[in-house]
Structures are given as C-alpha cells and as structure tokens.
Amino acid sequence: MPAPRKYPLELGERAVRMYRTAEPKPVIRRMAEDLCVHREALRGWIRQAGVDADERDDLLTTEEKDELAQLRRDLQAPGVFRSRRAVRRPVGAHKLGRFENQAGPFGGSPR
C-alpha cells in the first residue's frame, strides 16, 4: 500500500497551472508559502509537469514511472526468478548446525 499523500492531487495541479500562467514567473518559495505547501513539493510538481509536457527530457515521465513501478511489482510476485542473493541460507543458520553438509543453492560446496 502506498504512503498517504500529504497534499491532494488537485492542489498540485492547481499550483502548477497557477505557476505556468503567471507573468512574470513567481518566486517558488513565496508562491509555496501562499499555497501553504513546502517549497520543494511545489518545485517537484513544476519539474514533473515540465517533463510530462515534453519540455524536459532529464527525468522520467509520470507514465514511465508508473510502468517502472508495475515492472518492479511484477518482479516481486511469487514464482519469479530471484537472484542468487535471495536464495542463500538464512542468516545465522550456521550457528544452528543446519546446512553444514548440504550443497549450496546452485550446487557445489556451501559457503
């Protein structure tokens, strides 16, 4: 479950719209104070809106971020191949006397 949002999505959209339509461009710090949001939150919303509008190409778009998150969730699903690190013996198993004479997860001698 994702963490709860500190600010509603509508507030971010409205703030970006206000920033883009203002002439001259307002100081982000002052505008953030007027909207009662943190200046870095406002700056992040403006940056992401620029990426989504193809004005910047140095960050992932919202659509690309969502796709990447979905791919990562799919890799976490049961039955998906795990790296060798994920199938190693439990920490402290050597102290319990287990796994001493068993082969490692990919054959060979245990480490």
Protein backbone atom coordinates (compact mmCIF):
# COMPACT_ATOMS: atom_id res chain seq x y z
CA MET A 1 0.00 0.00 0.00
CA PRO A 2 1.46 3.38 -0.93
CA ALA A 3 2.04 6.01 1.70
CA PRO A 4 -0.73 8.59 2.12
CA ARG A 5 -0.23 11.83 0.24
CA LYS A 6 0.48 14.96 2.20
CA TYR A 7 -1.22 17.19 -0.37
CA PRO A 8 -4.23 16.41 -2.60
CA LEU A 9 -3.51 15.88 -6.30
CA GLU A 10 -5.86 18.73 -7.18
CA LEU A 11 -3.74 21.15 -5.16
CA GLY A 12 -0.62 20.18 -7.11
CA GLU A 13 -2.39 20.51 -10.45
CA ARG A 14 -3.81 23.90 -9.49
CA ALA A 15 -0.43 25.14 -8.25
CA VAL A 16 1.31 24.12 -11.48
CA ARG A 17 -1.41 25.79 -13.54
CA MET A 18 -1.06 28.97 -11.50
CA TYR A 19 2.73 28.97 -11.92
CA ARG A 20 2.59 28.40 -15.67
CA THR A 21 0.02 31.10 -16.34
CA ALA A 22 1.66 33.76 -14.15
CA GLU A 23 3.68 36.51 -15.84
CA PRO A 24 6.33 37.18 -14.70
CA LYS A 25 7.07 33.80 -13.12
CA PRO A 26 6.63 34.00 -9.34
CA VAL A 27 9.33 33.02 -6.87
CA ILE A 28 8.62 29.41 -5.96
CA ARG A 29 9.33 29.95 -2.26
CA ARG A 30 6.84 32.79 -1.99
CA MET A 31 4.18 31.00 -4.03
CA ALA A 32 4.60 27.90 -1.86
CA GLU A 33 4.07 29.99 1.28
CA ASP A 34 0.90 31.48 -0.23
CA LEU A 35 -0.43 27.98 -1.00
CA CYS A 36 0.70 26.57 2.38
CA VAL A 37 2.82 23.84 0.78
CA HIS A 38 6.50 23.07 1.12
CA ARG A 39 8.64 24.81 -1.50
CA GLU A 40 10.31 21.56 -2.56
CA ALA A 41 6.91 19.93 -3.12
CA LEU A 42 5.90 22.80 -5.39
CA ARG A 43 9.25 22.72 -7.19
CA GLY A 44 8.86 18.96 -7.75
CA TRP A 45 5.34 19.37 -9.14
CA ILE A 46 6.55 22.06 -11.56
CA ARG A 47 9.50 19.92 -12.68
CA GLN A 48 7.31 16.85 -13.22
CA ALA A 49 4.77 18.89 -15.19
CA GLY A 50 7.60 20.09 -17.43
CA VAL A 51 8.70 16.50 -18.05
CA ASP A 52 5.16 15.35 -18.77
CA ALA A 53 4.72 18.24 -21.23
CA ASP A 54 7.93 17.21 -23.10
CA GLU A 55 9.67 20.44 -22.08
CA ARG A 56 12.42 18.49 -20.29
CA ASP A 57 13.98 15.13 -21.01
CA ASP A 58 16.22 14.62 -17.99
CA LEU A 59 13.60 12.81 -15.86
CA LEU A 60 11.08 10.01 -16.34
CA THR A 61 7.54 10.97 -17.26
CA THR A 62 4.71 10.02 -14.92
CA GLU A 63 3.68 7.28 -17.36
CA GLU A 64 7.22 5.87 -17.42
CA LYS A 65 7.39 5.96 -13.61
CA ASP A 66 4.10 4.06 -13.37
CA GLU A 67 5.33 1.47 -15.88
CA LEU A 68 8.60 1.02 -13.98
CA ALA A 69 6.73 0.61 -10.69
CA GLN A 70 4.49 -2.04 -12.28
CA LEU A 71 7.50 -3.95 -13.61
CA ARG A 72 9.10 -3.88 -10.17
CA ARG A 73 5.89 -5.18 -8.58
CA ASP A 74 5.79 -7.97 -11.16
CA LEU A 75 9.33 -8.99 -10.24
CA GLN A 76 8.30 -9.21 -6.58
CA ALA A 77 5.49 -11.65 -7.42
CA PRO A 78 5.90 -15.26 -6.22
CA GLY A 79 7.35 -17.63 -8.77
CA VAL A 80 9.52 -15.06 -10.49
CA PHE A 81 13.22 -15.90 -10.73
CA ARG A 82 15.18 -14.45 -7.84
CA SER A 83 18.83 -13.56 -7.78
CA ARG A 84 21.35 -15.84 -6.09
CA ARG A 85 21.49 -13.47 -3.13
CA ALA A 86 17.78 -14.00 -2.46
CA VAL A 87 18.06 -17.82 -2.19
CA ARG A 88 21.02 -18.02 0.18
CA ARG A 89 20.81 -19.65 3.56
CA PRO A 90 19.12 -17.79 6.36
CA VAL A 91 21.34 -15.57 8.45
CA GLY A 92 22.61 -17.43 11.47
CA ALA A 93 21.82 -20.89 10.07
CA HIS A 94 25.44 -21.96 10.53
CA LYS A 95 25.12 -21.32 14.26
CA LEU A 96 22.17 -23.69 14.48
CA GLY A 97 24.15 -26.51 12.85
CA ARG A 98 21.99 -26.60 9.74
CA PHE A 99 23.21 -26.60 6.14
CA GLU A 100 26.71 -27.79 7.06
CA ASN A 101 26.76 -30.86 4.81
CA GLN A 102 24.36 -29.63 2.14
CA ALA A 103 25.28 -28.27 -1.26
CA GLY A 104 24.78 -24.58 -1.94
CA PRO A 105 21.66 -23.37 -3.79
CA PHE A 106 23.37 -23.78 -7.19
CA GLY A 107 25.38 -26.92 -6.43
CA GLY A 108 28.92 -27.12 -5.19
CA SER A 109 30.03 -26.71 -1.64
CA PRO A 110 28.25 -24.41 0.78
CA ARG A 111 29.86 -21.16 1.74
